[in-house]
Amino acid sequence: MSHATSPPFGTTGGSCTADVRVRYAECDAMGYLHHAKYWEYFEEVRTDLLRRNGFRYRDLEREGVLFVVYKAAIKYLLPIRYDDVARVTARVERVTRTRVDHSYRIDVEGAKTCEATTTLACVGRDGRPMLMPERLWGASTRAR
């Protein structure tokens, strides 16, 4: 299950939620979801949010518009186990002409298991910072 709520991509508040069943191969020896896998879940839902707003990351890459993780933080609150259904939510917190801040949350059976944040910076193929195309940030800055 996946669903998105919008305002348009270039504004704060848009979110996307998806249910992900934890696979055995994603778990550590204790049967818990490995800590590194959380970031893969966040990326999956974050790119789905982008897609649901009419953008495909691969198309942006073809145009030379890339996003790199500038900052990431997470709080692990409760373990997630093999075969749990993790409800993963990504939310746009802030958009500027050069970066996007997201927050994330994972719930299992209604209990919050973790919360996280990332800041993605827009860069060109050379790795240097660049302005995002206006279609990505325009709604945010016009509202200010």
C-alpha atoms as a PDB file:
ATOM      1  CA  MET A   1       0.000   0.000   0.000  1.00  0.00           C
ATOM      2  CA  SER A   2       1.313   3.414  -0.903  1.00  0.00           C
ATOM      3  CA  HIS A   3      -0.343   6.769  -0.841  1.00  0.00           C
ATOM      4  CA  ALA A   4       0.709  10.372  -1.083  1.00  0.00           C
ATOM      5  CA  THR A   5      -0.739  13.605   0.142  1.00  0.00           C
ATOM      6  CA  SER A   6       0.180  16.769  -1.563  1.00  0.00           C
ATOM      7  CA  PRO A   7       0.544  20.130  -1.722  1.00  0.00           C
ATOM      8  CA  PRO A   8       2.716  20.392  -4.841  1.00  0.00           C
ATOM      9  CA  PHE A   9       6.275  19.066  -4.558  1.00  0.00           C
ATOM     10  CA  GLY A  10       7.906  22.466  -4.128  1.00  0.00           C
ATOM     11  CA  THR A  11       5.988  23.176  -0.923  1.00  0.00           C
ATOM     12  CA  THR A  12       6.263  21.740   2.546  1.00  0.00           C
ATOM     13  CA  GLY A  13       3.827  19.247   3.954  1.00  0.00           C
ATOM     14  CA  GLY A  14       3.612  16.747   1.121  1.00  0.00           C
ATOM     15  CA  SER A  15       4.031  13.181   2.294  1.00  0.00           C
ATOM     16  CA  CYS A  16       4.003   9.606   1.088  1.00  0.00           C
ATOM     17  CA  THR A  17       3.396   6.422   3.060  1.00  0.00           C
ATOM     18  CA  ALA A  18       4.077   2.829   2.056  1.00  0.00           C
ATOM     19  CA  ASP A  19       3.865  -0.509   3.813  1.00  0.00           C
ATOM     20  CA  VAL A  20       6.990  -2.657   3.573  1.00  0.00           C
ATOM     21  CA  ARG A  21       7.157  -6.232   4.869  1.00  0.00           C
ATOM     22  CA  VAL A  22      10.554  -6.931   6.448  1.00  0.00           C
ATOM     23  CA  ARG A  23      12.363  -9.712   4.621  1.00  0.00           C
ATOM     24  CA  TYR A  24      14.553 -12.287   6.350  1.00  0.00           C
ATOM     25  CA  ALA A  25      17.617 -11.180   4.355  1.00  0.00           C
ATOM     26  CA  GLU A  26      17.253  -7.641   5.782  1.00  0.00           C
ATOM     27  CA  CYS A  27      17.625  -8.775   9.393  1.00  0.00           C
ATOM     28  CA  ASP A  28      20.599  -9.172  11.703  1.00  0.00           C
ATOM     29  CA  ALA A  29      21.402 -12.288  13.774  1.00  0.00           C
ATOM     30  CA  MET A  30      18.816 -11.260  16.401  1.00  0.00           C
ATOM     31  CA  GLY A  31      16.036 -11.170  13.811  1.00  0.00           C
ATOM     32  CA  TYR A  32      15.802  -7.364  13.870  1.00  0.00           C
ATOM     33  CA  LEU A  33      15.786  -5.155  10.794  1.00  0.00           C
ATOM     34  CA  HIS A  34      19.440  -4.166  10.275  1.00  0.00           C
ATOM     35  CA  HIS A  35      20.039  -0.509  11.101  1.00  0.00           C
ATOM     36  CA  ALA A  36      21.366   0.292   7.605  1.00  0.00           C
ATOM     37  CA  LYS A  37      18.200  -0.995   5.893  1.00  0.00           C
ATOM     38  CA  TYR A  38      16.092   1.810   7.385  1.00  0.00           C
ATOM     39  CA  TRP A  39      17.783   4.240   4.998  1.00  0.00           C
ATOM     40  CA  GLU A  40      16.809   2.075   2.009  1.00  0.00           C
ATOM     41  CA  TYR A  41      13.177   2.154   3.145  1.00  0.00           C
ATOM     42  CA  PHE A  42      13.326   5.944   3.492  1.00  0.00           C
ATOM     43  CA  GLU A  43      14.833   6.321   0.040  1.00  0.00           C
ATOM     44  CA  GLU A  44      12.166   4.110  -1.513  1.00  0.00           C
ATOM     45  CA  VAL A  45       9.325   6.173  -0.044  1.00  0.00           C
ATOM     46  CA  ARG A  46      11.086   9.504  -0.710  1.00  0.00           C
ATOM     47  CA  THR A  47      11.535   8.691  -4.407  1.00  0.00           C
ATOM     48  CA  ASP A  48       7.928   7.482  -4.556  1.00  0.00           C
ATOM     49  CA  LEU A  49       6.861  10.884  -3.196  1.00  0.00           C
ATOM     50  CA  LEU A  50       8.866  12.557  -5.957  1.00  0.00           C
ATOM     51  CA  ARG A  51       7.320  10.262  -8.577  1.00  0.00           C
ATOM     52  CA  ARG A  52       3.780  10.875  -7.318  1.00  0.00           C
ATOM     53  CA  ASN A  53       4.412  14.587  -7.787  1.00  0.00           C
ATOM     54  CA  GLY A  54       5.248  14.068 -11.456  1.00  0.00           C
ATOM     55  CA  PHE A  55       9.042  13.716 -11.317  1.00  0.00           C
ATOM     56  CA  ARG A  56      11.212  10.688 -11.921  1.00  0.00           C
ATOM     57  CA  TYR A  57      14.659  10.824 -10.396  1.00  0.00           C
ATOM     58  CA  ARG A  58      16.202   9.106 -13.395  1.00  0.00           C
ATOM     59  CA  ASP A  59      14.833  11.873 -15.650  1.00  0.00           C
ATOM     60  CA  LEU A  60      16.359  14.516 -13.369  1.00  0.00           C
ATOM     61  CA  GLU A  61      19.687  12.647 -13.485  1.00  0.00           C
ATOM     62  CA  ARG A  62      19.546  12.638 -17.295  1.00  0.00           C
ATOM     63  CA  GLU A  63      19.197  16.429 -17.117  1.00  0.00           C
ATOM     64  CA  GLY A  64      22.269  16.635 -14.852  1.00  0.00           C
ATOM     65  CA  VAL A  65      20.234  17.376 -11.696  1.00  0.00           C
ATOM     66  CA  LEU A  66      21.442  15.167  -8.855  1.00  0.00           C
ATOM     67  CA  PHE A  67      20.684  15.067  -5.133  1.00  0.00           C
ATOM     68  CA  VAL A  68      23.214  14.027  -2.517  1.00  0.00           C
ATOM     69  CA  VAL A  69      22.612  13.378   1.149  1.00  0.00           C
ATOM     70  CA  TYR A  70      24.181  16.295   2.982  1.00  0.00           C
ATOM     71  CA  LYS A  71      22.942  15.386   6.451  1.00  0.00           C
ATOM     72  CA  ALA A  72      21.123  12.395   7.987  1.00  0.00           C
ATOM     73  CA  ALA A  73      20.001  11.606  11.534  1.00  0.00           C
ATOM     74  CA  ILE A  74      17.914   8.818  13.031  1.00  0.00           C
ATOM     75  CA  LYS A  75      16.502   7.750  16.388  1.00  0.00           C
ATOM     76  CA  TYR A  76      15.824   4.027  16.768  1.00  0.00           C
ATOM     77  CA  LEU A  77      12.995   3.778  19.308  1.00  0.00           C
ATOM     78  CA  LEU A  78      11.778   0.161  19.059  1.00  0.00           C
ATOM     79  CA  PRO A  79      13.132  -2.812  17.115  1.00  0.00           C
ATOM     80  CA  ILE A  80      11.500  -3.934  13.893  1.00  0.00           C
ATOM     81  CA  ARG A  81      11.489  -7.688  13.382  1.00  0.00           C
ATOM     82  CA  TYR A  82      11.459 -10.120  10.495  1.00  0.00           C
ATOM     83  CA  ASP A  83       8.009 -10.334   8.842  1.00  0.00           C
ATOM     84  CA  ASP A  84       6.734  -7.121  10.485  1.00  0.00           C
ATOM     85  CA  VAL A  85       4.868  -4.744   8.210  1.00  0.00           C
ATOM     86  CA  ALA A  86       6.642  -1.415   8.521  1.00  0.00           C
ATOM     87  CA  ARG A  87       4.533   1.633   7.637  1.00  0.00           C
ATOM     88  CA  VAL A  88       7.098   4.116   6.301  1.00  0.00           C
ATOM     89  CA  THR A  89       6.247   7.802   5.886  1.00  0.00           C
ATOM     90  CA  ALA A  90       8.382  10.478   4.230  1.00  0.00           C
ATOM     91  CA  ARG A  91       7.373  14.127   4.552  1.00  0.00           C
ATOM     92  CA  VAL A  92       8.781  17.277   2.926  1.00  0.00           C
ATOM     93  CA  GLU A  93       9.705  19.713   5.704  1.00  0.00           C
ATOM     94  CA  ARG A  94      11.501  22.446   3.777  1.00  0.00           C
ATOM     95  CA  VAL A  95      12.402  23.234   0.168  1.00  0.00           C
ATOM     96  CA  THR A  96      14.812  25.936  -0.960  1.00  0.00           C
ATOM     97  CA  ARG A  97      16.406  26.571  -4.339  1.00  0.00           C
ATOM     98  CA  THR A  98      19.296  24.259  -3.415  1.00  0.00           C
ATOM     99  CA  ARG A  99      18.057  21.713  -0.864  1.00  0.00           C
ATOM    100  CA  VAL A 100      15.171  19.606   0.406  1.00  0.00           C
ATOM    101  CA  ASP A 101      14.664  18.600   4.049  1.00  0.00           C
ATOM    102  CA  HIS A 102      12.633  15.461   4.760  1.00  0.00           C
ATOM    103  CA  SER A 103      11.398  13.817   7.931  1.00  0.00           C
ATOM    104  CA  TYR A 104      10.616  10.112   8.200  1.00  0.00           C
ATOM    105  CA  ARG A 105       8.734   7.856  10.530  1.00  0.00           C
ATOM    106  CA  ILE A 106       8.243   4.114  10.694  1.00  0.00           C
ATOM    107  CA  ASP A 107       5.334   2.563  12.570  1.00  0.00           C
ATOM    108  CA  VAL A 108       4.663  -1.115  13.219  1.00  0.00           C
ATOM    109  CA  GLU A 109       1.166  -2.028  14.388  1.00  0.00           C
ATOM    110  CA  GLY A 110       0.560   1.614  15.315  1.00  0.00           C
ATOM    111  CA  ALA A 111       3.713   2.009  17.428  1.00  0.00           C
ATOM    112  CA  LYS A 112       6.398   4.500  16.361  1.00  0.00           C
ATOM    113  CA  THR A 113       9.630   2.540  15.922  1.00  0.00           C
ATOM    114  CA  CYS A 114      11.906   5.260  14.581  1.00  0.00           C
ATOM    115  CA  GLU A 115      12.107   8.829  13.341  1.00  0.00           C
ATOM    116  CA  ALA A 116      14.696  10.361  11.060  1.00  0.00           C
ATOM    117  CA  THR A 117      15.611  13.414   9.000  1.00  0.00           C
ATOM    118  CA  THR A 118      17.686  14.089   5.903  1.00  0.00           C
ATOM    119  CA  THR A 119      18.865  17.134   4.020  1.00  0.00           C
ATOM    120  CA  LEU A 120      19.445  16.581   0.313  1.00  0.00           C
ATOM    121  CA  ALA A 121      21.538  19.074  -1.631  1.00  0.00           C
ATOM    122  CA  CYS A 122      21.170  19.642  -5.354  1.00  0.00           C
ATOM    123  CA  VAL A 123      24.419  19.186  -7.299  1.00  0.00           C
ATOM    124  CA  GLY A 124      25.483  18.924 -10.916  1.00  0.00           C
ATOM    125  CA  ARG A 125      27.389  16.060 -12.504  1.00  0.00           C
ATOM    126  CA  ASP A 126      30.616  17.671 -11.307  1.00  0.00           C
ATOM    127  CA  GLY A 127      29.445  17.352  -7.683  1.00  0.00           C
ATOM    128  CA  ARG A 128      29.249  21.117  -7.194  1.00  0.00           C
ATOM    129  CA  PRO A 129      26.136  22.726  -5.706  1.00  0.00           C
ATOM    130  CA  MET A 130      23.597  24.023  -8.198  1.00  0.00           C
ATOM    131  CA  LEU A 131      20.121  25.539  -8.225  1.00  0.00           C
ATOM    132  CA  MET A 132      17.247  23.118  -8.681  1.00  0.00           C
ATOM    133  CA  PRO A 133      15.042  23.608 -11.723  1.00  0.00           C
ATOM    134  CA  GLU A 134      12.242  26.025 -10.832  1.00  0.00           C
ATOM    135  CA  ARG A 135       9.591  23.356 -11.355  1.00  0.00           C
ATOM    136  CA  LEU A 136      10.960  21.635  -8.213  1.00  0.00           C
ATOM    137  CA  TRP A 137      11.190  24.610  -5.858  1.00  0.00           C
ATOM    138  CA  GLY A 138       9.081  27.339  -7.450  1.00  0.00           C
ATOM    139  CA  ALA A 139       5.918  26.906  -5.382  1.00  0.00           C
ATOM    140  CA  SER A 140       7.895  27.117  -2.146  1.00  0.00           C
ATOM    141  CA  THR A 141       9.779  30.333  -2.824  1.00  0.00           C
ATOM    142  CA  ARG A 142       6.853  32.143  -4.477  1.00  0.00           C
ATOM    143  CA  ALA A 143       4.812  31.586  -1.315  1.00  0.00           C
ATOM    144  CA  ARG A 144       7.385  33.381   0.860  1.00  0.00           C
END
